[in-house]
Amino acid sequence: MSVWPAWEVREHGGTLSWLHVRLDFPDGAGVDALAVVSDGGSVCVEEIRARPALSLDDLTVLADWIEEPLLEAFWTGERAAGRAPGPAAHHDGPGPGAPRATRRRARPTWPRGAEGRRLLAREYRAAQEAGADPVLAVMRATGHGRRRTLGLIAQARDAGLLTPRHARR
């Protein structure tokens, strides 16, 4: 893995640094990313190019792979430039020194089986009544992606907890 600076913007007393990240794997696969790091230590990935394409699960793991090297490159650049701010404390979880398993953003616990389908149907109907997108509401509640959520909704329909999607002729 290699990280190198692209450009830096100073604004309102703060600094935003864009960094290039390249991951090369032994099997020939590779990932190129452009990430932004702020003074406070927050990281935002702007662009990702991967050979072969990444799945959603791979994208979540990618964040874990590049977070520490990005922040280290950023703070090294800050020290070299004569600015020595310390990284801001992370109030939402363990800091960069914590093991990877404790830093991951866990999906909310969602019951399996019939109880999970009943809760899903309740969430789906509540979103429909509120005029919101029911699929997005279920995605937020379960923490799953769109494809998995649509599968769970289909299971709830099959169980008779939701109305059929298409009227039978």
C-alpha atoms as a PDB file:
ATOM      1  CA  MET A   1       0.000   0.000   0.000  1.00  0.00           C
ATOM      2  CA  SER A   2       1.264   3.457  -0.846  1.00  0.00           C
ATOM      3  CA  VAL A   3      -0.055   6.887   0.124  1.00  0.00           C
ATOM      4  CA  TRP A   4       1.097  10.220  -1.305  1.00  0.00           C
ATOM      5  CA  PRO A   5      -0.267  13.764  -1.163  1.00  0.00           C
ATOM      6  CA  ALA A   6      -2.279  15.175  -4.066  1.00  0.00           C
ATOM      7  CA  TRP A   7      -3.071  18.740  -2.891  1.00  0.00           C
ATOM      8  CA  GLU A   8      -3.998  20.747   0.176  1.00  0.00           C
ATOM      9  CA  VAL A   9      -6.577  23.481   0.798  1.00  0.00           C
ATOM     10  CA  ARG A  10      -6.484  25.887   3.738  1.00  0.00           C
ATOM     11  CA  GLU A  11      -9.799  27.384   4.662  1.00  0.00           C
ATOM     12  CA  HIS A  12     -11.229  29.098   7.768  1.00  0.00           C
ATOM     13  CA  GLY A  13      -8.187  28.243   9.863  1.00  0.00           C
ATOM     14  CA  GLY A  14      -8.311  24.565   8.931  1.00  0.00           C
ATOM     15  CA  THR A  15      -6.630  22.325   6.399  1.00  0.00           C
ATOM     16  CA  LEU A  16      -8.087  19.738   4.049  1.00  0.00           C
ATOM     17  CA  SER A  17      -5.565  17.395   2.467  1.00  0.00           C
ATOM     18  CA  TRP A  18      -6.294  15.182  -0.521  1.00  0.00           C
ATOM     19  CA  LEU A  19      -4.231  12.006  -0.644  1.00  0.00           C
ATOM     20  CA  HIS A  20      -3.842   9.298  -3.277  1.00  0.00           C
ATOM     21  CA  VAL A  21      -3.957   5.720  -2.020  1.00  0.00           C
ATOM     22  CA  ARG A  22      -2.901   2.667  -4.005  1.00  0.00           C
ATOM     23  CA  LEU A  23      -3.378  -0.929  -2.894  1.00  0.00           C
ATOM     24  CA  ASP A  24      -1.800  -3.686  -4.981  1.00  0.00           C
ATOM     25  CA  PHE A  25      -2.595  -7.305  -4.248  1.00  0.00           C
ATOM     26  CA  PRO A  26      -0.473 -10.362  -5.120  1.00  0.00           C
ATOM     27  CA  ASP A  27      -3.148 -11.742  -7.476  1.00  0.00           C
ATOM     28  CA  GLY A  28      -2.939  -8.633  -9.697  1.00  0.00           C
ATOM     29  CA  ALA A  29      -5.990  -6.858  -8.281  1.00  0.00           C
ATOM     30  CA  GLY A  30      -5.632  -3.227  -7.352  1.00  0.00           C
ATOM     31  CA  VAL A  31      -7.464  -0.298  -5.807  1.00  0.00           C
ATOM     32  CA  ASP A  32      -6.774   3.402  -6.391  1.00  0.00           C
ATOM     33  CA  ALA A  33      -8.532   5.912  -4.150  1.00  0.00           C
ATOM     34  CA  LEU A  34      -8.599   9.650  -3.571  1.00  0.00           C
ATOM     35  CA  ALA A  35      -9.311  10.549   0.048  1.00  0.00           C
ATOM     36  CA  VAL A  36      -9.705  13.787   1.995  1.00  0.00           C
ATOM     37  CA  VAL A  37      -8.366  14.150   5.528  1.00  0.00           C
ATOM     38  CA  SER A  38      -9.302  17.140   7.706  1.00  0.00           C
ATOM     39  CA  ASP A  39      -7.408  18.671  10.620  1.00  0.00           C
ATOM     40  CA  GLY A  40      -9.671  16.868  13.039  1.00  0.00           C
ATOM     41  CA  GLY A  41      -8.643  13.502  11.635  1.00  0.00           C
ATOM     42  CA  SER A  42     -11.846  12.689   9.783  1.00  0.00           C
ATOM     43  CA  VAL A  43     -11.408  10.772   6.535  1.00  0.00           C
ATOM     44  CA  CYS A  44     -13.684  10.967   3.500  1.00  0.00           C
ATOM     45  CA  VAL A  45     -13.106   8.838   0.394  1.00  0.00           C
ATOM     46  CA  GLU A  46     -13.873  10.881  -2.718  1.00  0.00           C
ATOM     47  CA  GLU A  47     -13.202   8.379  -5.493  1.00  0.00           C
ATOM     48  CA  ILE A  48     -12.390   4.677  -5.805  1.00  0.00           C
ATOM     49  CA  ARG A  49     -11.240   2.748  -8.842  1.00  0.00           C
ATOM     50  CA  ALA A  50     -10.769  -0.984  -8.479  1.00  0.00           C
ATOM     51  CA  ARG A  51      -9.657  -3.814 -10.749  1.00  0.00           C
ATOM     52  CA  PRO A  52     -11.826  -6.010 -10.503  1.00  0.00           C
ATOM     53  CA  ALA A  53     -14.828  -4.125  -9.126  1.00  0.00           C
ATOM     54  CA  LEU A  54     -15.431  -4.204  -5.358  1.00  0.00           C
ATOM     55  CA  SER A  55     -18.547  -5.538  -3.677  1.00  0.00           C
ATOM     56  CA  LEU A  56     -20.240  -3.574  -0.879  1.00  0.00           C
ATOM     57  CA  ASP A  57     -18.650  -5.857   1.715  1.00  0.00           C
ATOM     58  CA  ASP A  58     -15.225  -5.167   0.186  1.00  0.00           C
ATOM     59  CA  LEU A  59     -15.874  -1.426   0.433  1.00  0.00           C
ATOM     60  CA  THR A  60     -16.469  -1.650   4.184  1.00  0.00           C
ATOM     61  CA  VAL A  61     -13.242  -3.597   4.620  1.00  0.00           C
ATOM     62  CA  LEU A  62     -11.432  -1.085   2.384  1.00  0.00           C
ATOM     63  CA  ALA A  63     -12.207   1.667   4.903  1.00  0.00           C
ATOM     64  CA  ASP A  64     -10.495  -0.363   7.636  1.00  0.00           C
ATOM     65  CA  TRP A  65      -7.459  -1.015   5.435  1.00  0.00           C
ATOM     66  CA  ILE A  66      -6.805   2.577   4.435  1.00  0.00           C
ATOM     67  CA  GLU A  67      -7.810   4.519   7.562  1.00  0.00           C
ATOM     68  CA  GLU A  68      -4.608   4.135   9.595  1.00  0.00           C
ATOM     69  CA  PRO A  69      -2.116   4.652   6.727  1.00  0.00           C
ATOM     70  CA  LEU A  70      -4.064   7.732   5.550  1.00  0.00           C
ATOM     71  CA  LEU A  71      -4.084   9.340   8.973  1.00  0.00           C
ATOM     72  CA  GLU A  72      -0.411   8.469   9.513  1.00  0.00           C
ATOM     73  CA  ALA A  73       0.542  10.046   6.167  1.00  0.00           C
ATOM     74  CA  PHE A  74      -1.525  13.132   7.012  1.00  0.00           C
ATOM     75  CA  TRP A  75       0.019  13.633  10.465  1.00  0.00           C
ATOM     76  CA  THR A  76       3.521  12.993   9.075  1.00  0.00           C
ATOM     77  CA  GLY A  77       2.902  15.714   6.476  1.00  0.00           C
ATOM     78  CA  GLU A  78       1.589  18.086   9.150  1.00  0.00           C
ATOM     79  CA  ARG A  79       4.696  17.548  11.303  1.00  0.00           C
ATOM     80  CA  ALA A  80       6.994  18.019   8.287  1.00  0.00           C
ATOM     81  CA  ALA A  81       5.251  21.315   7.470  1.00  0.00           C
ATOM     82  CA  GLY A  82       5.884  22.583  10.992  1.00  0.00           C
ATOM     83  CA  ARG A  83       2.290  22.195  12.127  1.00  0.00           C
ATOM     84  CA  ALA A  84       2.014  19.668  14.906  1.00  0.00           C
ATOM     85  CA  PRO A  85      -1.648  19.363  15.824  1.00  0.00           C
ATOM     86  CA  GLY A  86      -2.626  16.198  17.602  1.00  0.00           C
ATOM     87  CA  PRO A  87      -5.450  14.160  16.179  1.00  0.00           C
ATOM     88  CA  ALA A  88      -8.840  15.025  17.612  1.00  0.00           C
ATOM     89  CA  ALA A  89     -10.308  12.560  20.044  1.00  0.00           C
ATOM     90  CA  HIS A  90     -12.860  10.228  18.526  1.00  0.00           C
ATOM     91  CA  HIS A  91     -16.000  10.454  20.620  1.00  0.00           C
ATOM     92  CA  ASP A  92     -17.909   7.865  18.623  1.00  0.00           C
ATOM     93  CA  GLY A  93     -15.721   4.892  19.384  1.00  0.00           C
ATOM     94  CA  PRO A  94     -12.236   3.594  20.042  1.00  0.00           C
ATOM     95  CA  GLY A  95      -9.273   5.497  18.650  1.00  0.00           C
ATOM     96  CA  PRO A  96      -6.801   4.536  15.929  1.00  0.00           C
ATOM     97  CA  GLY A  97      -4.764   2.331  18.291  1.00  0.00           C
ATOM     98  CA  ALA A  98      -7.692   0.032  19.035  1.00  0.00           C
ATOM     99  CA  PRO A  99      -7.931  -3.378  17.385  1.00  0.00           C
ATOM    100  CA  ARG A 100      -9.735  -3.387  14.058  1.00  0.00           C
ATOM    101  CA  ALA A 101     -12.610  -5.514  15.338  1.00  0.00           C
ATOM    102  CA  THR A 102     -13.542  -2.933  17.994  1.00  0.00           C
ATOM    103  CA  ARG A 103     -13.359  -0.001  15.538  1.00  0.00           C
ATOM    104  CA  ARG A 104     -15.745  -1.425  12.934  1.00  0.00           C
ATOM    105  CA  ARG A 105     -19.092   0.207  12.631  1.00  0.00           C
ATOM    106  CA  ALA A 106     -21.415  -2.554  13.678  1.00  0.00           C
ATOM    107  CA  ARG A 107     -24.797  -2.989  12.053  1.00  0.00           C
ATOM    108  CA  PRO A 108     -27.697  -2.833  14.486  1.00  0.00           C
ATOM    109  CA  THR A 109     -28.813  -6.132  15.916  1.00  0.00           C
ATOM    110  CA  TRP A 110     -31.861  -7.427  14.111  1.00  0.00           C
ATOM    111  CA  PRO A 111     -33.729 -10.557  15.189  1.00  0.00           C
ATOM    112  CA  ARG A 112     -33.829 -13.460  12.789  1.00  0.00           C
ATOM    113  CA  GLY A 113     -36.783 -15.545  11.758  1.00  0.00           C
ATOM    114  CA  ALA A 114     -40.437 -14.730  12.308  1.00  0.00           C
ATOM    115  CA  GLU A 115     -39.779 -11.962  14.865  1.00  0.00           C
ATOM    116  CA  GLY A 116     -37.440 -10.177  12.439  1.00  0.00           C
ATOM    117  CA  ARG A 117     -40.004 -10.433   9.630  1.00  0.00           C
ATOM    118  CA  ARG A 118     -42.727  -8.982  11.904  1.00  0.00           C
ATOM    119  CA  LEU A 119     -40.498  -6.031  12.873  1.00  0.00           C
ATOM    120  CA  LEU A 120     -39.534  -5.521   9.245  1.00  0.00           C
ATOM    121  CA  ALA A 121     -43.194  -5.467   8.167  1.00  0.00           C
ATOM    122  CA  ARG A 122     -44.016  -2.967  10.937  1.00  0.00           C
ATOM    123  CA  GLU A 123     -41.137  -0.698   9.844  1.00  0.00           C
ATOM    124  CA  TYR A 124     -42.158  -1.017   6.177  1.00  0.00           C
ATOM    125  CA  ARG A 125     -45.809  -0.104   6.839  1.00  0.00           C
ATOM    126  CA  ALA A 126     -44.858   2.803   9.136  1.00  0.00           C
ATOM    127  CA  ALA A 127     -42.680   4.279   6.389  1.00  0.00           C
ATOM    128  CA  GLN A 128     -45.463   3.829   3.822  1.00  0.00           C
ATOM    129  CA  GLU A 129     -47.946   5.624   6.087  1.00  0.00           C
ATOM    130  CA  ALA A 130     -45.457   8.454   6.672  1.00  0.00           C
ATOM    131  CA  GLY A 131     -44.975   8.851   2.919  1.00  0.00           C
ATOM    132  CA  ALA A 132     -41.300   7.820   3.080  1.00  0.00           C
ATOM    133  CA  ASP A 133     -39.501   5.219   0.996  1.00  0.00           C
ATOM    134  CA  PRO A 134     -40.217   1.922   2.808  1.00  0.00           C
ATOM    135  CA  VAL A 135     -37.158   0.153   1.408  1.00  0.00           C
ATOM    136  CA  LEU A 136     -34.825   2.887   2.694  1.00  0.00           C
ATOM    137  CA  ALA A 137     -36.563   2.804   6.069  1.00  0.00           C
ATOM    138  CA  VAL A 138     -35.978  -0.945   6.340  1.00  0.00           C
ATOM    139  CA  MET A 139     -32.366  -0.507   5.169  1.00  0.00           C
ATOM    140  CA  ARG A 140     -31.755   2.000   7.972  1.00  0.00           C
ATOM    141  CA  ALA A 141     -33.442  -0.219  10.552  1.00  0.00           C
ATOM    142  CA  THR A 142     -31.639  -3.433   9.625  1.00  0.00           C
ATOM    143  CA  GLY A 143     -28.290  -1.997   8.553  1.00  0.00           C
ATOM    144  CA  HIS A 144     -28.300  -4.162   5.434  1.00  0.00           C
ATOM    145  CA  GLY A 145     -27.730  -3.055   1.865  1.00  0.00           C
ATOM    146  CA  ARG A 146     -30.475  -2.691  -0.718  1.00  0.00           C
ATOM    147  CA  ARG A 147     -30.191  -6.201  -2.202  1.00  0.00           C
ATOM    148  CA  ARG A 148     -30.318  -7.958   1.180  1.00  0.00           C
ATOM    149  CA  THR A 149     -33.157  -5.678   2.338  1.00  0.00           C
ATOM    150  CA  LEU A 150     -35.238  -6.481  -0.751  1.00  0.00           C
ATOM    151  CA  GLY A 151     -34.726 -10.171  -0.007  1.00  0.00           C
ATOM    152  CA  LEU A 152     -35.938  -9.694   3.577  1.00  0.00           C
ATOM    153  CA  ILE A 153     -38.973  -7.767   2.337  1.00  0.00           C
ATOM    154  CA  ALA A 154     -39.740 -10.609  -0.089  1.00  0.00           C
ATOM    155  CA  GLN A 155     -39.560 -13.087   2.796  1.00  0.00           C
ATOM    156  CA  ALA A 156     -42.026 -10.955   4.780  1.00  0.00           C
ATOM    157  CA  ARG A 157     -44.355 -10.879   1.739  1.00  0.00           C
ATOM    158  CA  ASP A 158     -44.093 -14.666   1.377  1.00  0.00           C
ATOM    159  CA  ALA A 159     -44.974 -15.025   5.069  1.00  0.00           C
ATOM    160  CA  GLY A 160     -48.142 -12.975   4.468  1.00  0.00           C
ATOM    161  CA  LEU A 161     -47.016 -10.006   6.588  1.00  0.00           C
ATOM    162  CA  LEU A 162     -47.025  -7.563   3.658  1.00  0.00           C
ATOM    163  CA  THR A 163     -49.404  -7.207   0.741  1.00  0.00           C
ATOM    164  CA  PRO A 164     -48.383  -8.849  -2.541  1.00  0.00           C
ATOM    165  CA  ARG A 165     -46.265  -6.630  -4.759  1.00  0.00           C
ATOM    166  CA  HIS A 166     -48.374  -7.185  -7.892  1.00  0.00           C
ATOM    167  CA  ALA A 167     -52.090  -7.735  -8.102  1.00  0.00           C
ATOM    168  CA  ARG A 168     -52.963 -11.160  -9.438  1.00  0.00           C
ATOM    169  CA  ARG A 169     -55.109 -11.232 -12.547  1.00  0.00           C
END
